[in-house]
Amino acid sequence: MAALQGKVKMKKILTVTLLTIFLAACSDDVPKVEDPHNVIVDGQKMMQADFLQKYCVGKELNETCARVKNAMAMDSTRSSSGIKRF
């Protein structure tokens, strides 16, 4: 009987923990960006580095932050004429 009660408590704790993580991930205050190469937030164009600094510090696992970071890395390997540098 005690073992069954322990399992029920563990399920409740696990459920609460998962809900907390899910809600925290959903409310991370990182705006969605349609084009990570051309960052626009609330109708205002932003530099990728500024976006990462303002919204992504400590949120490396956020999908939008990762996309903008990858786009910035890709853009830095291109010259101003659009030709890739090696």
C-alpha atoms as a PDB file:
ATOM      1  CA  MET A   1       0.000   0.000   0.000  1.00  0.00           C
ATOM      2  CA  ALA A   2       2.792   2.435   0.893  1.00  0.00           C
ATOM      3  CA  ALA A   3       4.548   1.669  -2.395  1.00  0.00           C
ATOM      4  CA  LEU A   4       1.383   2.552  -4.327  1.00  0.00           C
ATOM      5  CA  GLN A   5       1.043   5.872  -2.493  1.00  0.00           C
ATOM      6  CA  GLY A   6       4.691   6.634  -3.268  1.00  0.00           C
ATOM      7  CA  LYS A   7       4.089   6.028  -6.990  1.00  0.00           C
ATOM      8  CA  VAL A   8       1.037   8.296  -6.974  1.00  0.00           C
ATOM      9  CA  LYS A   9       3.041  11.077  -5.304  1.00  0.00           C
ATOM     10  CA  MET A  10       5.851  10.674  -7.831  1.00  0.00           C
ATOM     11  CA  LYS A  11       3.358  10.934 -10.723  1.00  0.00           C
ATOM     12  CA  LYS A  12       1.912  14.125  -9.238  1.00  0.00           C
ATOM     13  CA  ILE A  13       5.378  15.630  -8.767  1.00  0.00           C
ATOM     14  CA  LEU A  14       6.389  14.659 -12.293  1.00  0.00           C
ATOM     15  CA  THR A  15       3.191  16.136 -13.738  1.00  0.00           C
ATOM     16  CA  VAL A  16       3.656  19.440 -11.910  1.00  0.00           C
ATOM     17  CA  THR A  17       7.318  19.594 -12.947  1.00  0.00           C
ATOM     18  CA  LEU A  18       6.514  18.951 -16.609  1.00  0.00           C
ATOM     19  CA  LEU A  19       3.755  21.570 -16.614  1.00  0.00           C
ATOM     20  CA  THR A  20       6.087  24.109 -15.036  1.00  0.00           C
ATOM     21  CA  ILE A  21       8.786  23.459 -17.632  1.00  0.00           C
ATOM     22  CA  PHE A  22       6.255  23.642 -20.470  1.00  0.00           C
ATOM     23  CA  LEU A  23       4.799  26.933 -19.255  1.00  0.00           C
ATOM     24  CA  ALA A  24       8.254  28.411 -18.721  1.00  0.00           C
ATOM     25  CA  ALA A  25       9.261  27.444 -22.261  1.00  0.00           C
ATOM     26  CA  CYS A  26       6.104  28.976 -23.721  1.00  0.00           C
ATOM     27  CA  SER A  27       6.508  32.284 -21.920  1.00  0.00           C
ATOM     28  CA  ASP A  28      10.172  32.973 -22.603  1.00  0.00           C
ATOM     29  CA  ASP A  29       9.404  36.423 -24.066  1.00  0.00           C
ATOM     30  CA  VAL A  30      11.342  35.820 -27.285  1.00  0.00           C
ATOM     31  CA  PRO A  31       9.441  37.265 -30.239  1.00  0.00           C
ATOM     32  CA  LYS A  32       9.006  35.091 -33.315  1.00  0.00           C
ATOM     33  CA  VAL A  33      11.085  36.094 -36.335  1.00  0.00           C
ATOM     34  CA  GLU A  34       9.957  35.112 -39.831  1.00  0.00           C
ATOM     35  CA  ASP A  35      13.316  35.672 -41.519  1.00  0.00           C
ATOM     36  CA  PRO A  36      16.346  35.201 -39.240  1.00  0.00           C
ATOM     37  CA  HIS A  37      18.555  36.910 -41.855  1.00  0.00           C
ATOM     38  CA  ASN A  38      16.343  40.016 -41.707  1.00  0.00           C
ATOM     39  CA  VAL A  39      15.179  40.392 -38.108  1.00  0.00           C
ATOM     40  CA  ILE A  40      12.045  42.502 -37.643  1.00  0.00           C
ATOM     41  CA  VAL A  41      10.457  42.892 -34.200  1.00  0.00           C
ATOM     42  CA  ASP A  42       7.231  44.870 -33.816  1.00  0.00           C
ATOM     43  CA  GLY A  43       7.737  46.353 -37.282  1.00  0.00           C
ATOM     44  CA  GLN A  44      11.266  47.557 -36.463  1.00  0.00           C
ATOM     45  CA  LYS A  45      14.362  46.134 -38.160  1.00  0.00           C
ATOM     46  CA  MET A  46      17.005  44.898 -35.711  1.00  0.00           C
ATOM     47  CA  MET A  47      20.559  43.765 -36.137  1.00  0.00           C
ATOM     48  CA  GLN A  48      20.925  40.052 -35.402  1.00  0.00           C
ATOM     49  CA  ALA A  49      23.475  40.704 -32.647  1.00  0.00           C
ATOM     50  CA  ASP A  50      21.134  43.221 -30.987  1.00  0.00           C
ATOM     51  CA  PHE A  51      18.267  40.710 -31.107  1.00  0.00           C
ATOM     52  CA  LEU A  52      20.424  38.006 -29.542  1.00  0.00           C
ATOM     53  CA  GLN A  53      21.641  40.385 -26.832  1.00  0.00           C
ATOM     54  CA  LYS A  54      18.177  41.706 -25.996  1.00  0.00           C
ATOM     55  CA  TYR A  55      16.091  38.531 -26.130  1.00  0.00           C
ATOM     56  CA  CYS A  56      18.350  35.477 -26.073  1.00  0.00           C
ATOM     57  CA  VAL A  57      20.787  35.792 -23.178  1.00  0.00           C
ATOM     58  CA  GLY A  58      20.425  32.568 -21.216  1.00  0.00           C
ATOM     59  CA  LYS A  59      17.945  31.118 -23.733  1.00  0.00           C
ATOM     60  CA  GLU A  60      20.291  29.173 -26.004  1.00  0.00           C
ATOM     61  CA  LEU A  61      17.762  26.344 -26.420  1.00  0.00           C
ATOM     62  CA  ASN A  62      15.058  28.653 -27.766  1.00  0.00           C
ATOM     63  CA  GLU A  63      14.267  27.818 -31.403  1.00  0.00           C
ATOM     64  CA  THR A  64      14.077  31.451 -32.577  1.00  0.00           C
ATOM     65  CA  CYS A  65      17.354  32.325 -30.838  1.00  0.00           C
ATOM     66  CA  ALA A  66      19.082  29.342 -32.425  1.00  0.00           C
ATOM     67  CA  ARG A  67      17.777  30.275 -35.892  1.00  0.00           C
ATOM     68  CA  VAL A  68      18.946  33.896 -35.580  1.00  0.00           C
ATOM     69  CA  LYS A  69      22.336  32.807 -34.230  1.00  0.00           C
ATOM     70  CA  ASN A  70      22.835  30.340 -37.108  1.00  0.00           C
ATOM     71  CA  ALA A  71      21.743  32.956 -39.646  1.00  0.00           C
ATOM     72  CA  MET A  72      24.190  35.470 -38.185  1.00  0.00           C
ATOM     73  CA  ALA A  73      27.004  32.918 -38.465  1.00  0.00           C
ATOM     74  CA  MET A  74      26.045  32.161 -42.069  1.00  0.00           C
ATOM     75  CA  ASP A  75      25.805  35.851 -42.937  1.00  0.00           C
ATOM     76  CA  SER A  76      29.254  36.513 -41.489  1.00  0.00           C
ATOM     77  CA  THR A  77      30.778  34.091 -44.014  1.00  0.00           C
ATOM     78  CA  ARG A  78      29.413  36.113 -46.945  1.00  0.00           C
ATOM     79  CA  SER A  79      31.096  39.133 -48.424  1.00  0.00           C
ATOM     80  CA  SER A  80      29.162  42.340 -49.042  1.00  0.00           C
ATOM     81  CA  SER A  81      28.584  41.191 -52.644  1.00  0.00           C
ATOM     82  CA  GLY A  82      26.817  38.046 -51.409  1.00  0.00           C
ATOM     83  CA  ILE A  83      29.592  35.657 -52.417  1.00  0.00           C
ATOM     84  CA  LYS A  84      30.615  33.162 -49.758  1.00  0.00           C
ATOM     85  CA  ARG A  85      34.037  33.658 -48.226  1.00  0.00           C
ATOM     86  CA  PHE A  86      36.068  30.659 -47.151  1.00  0.00           C
END
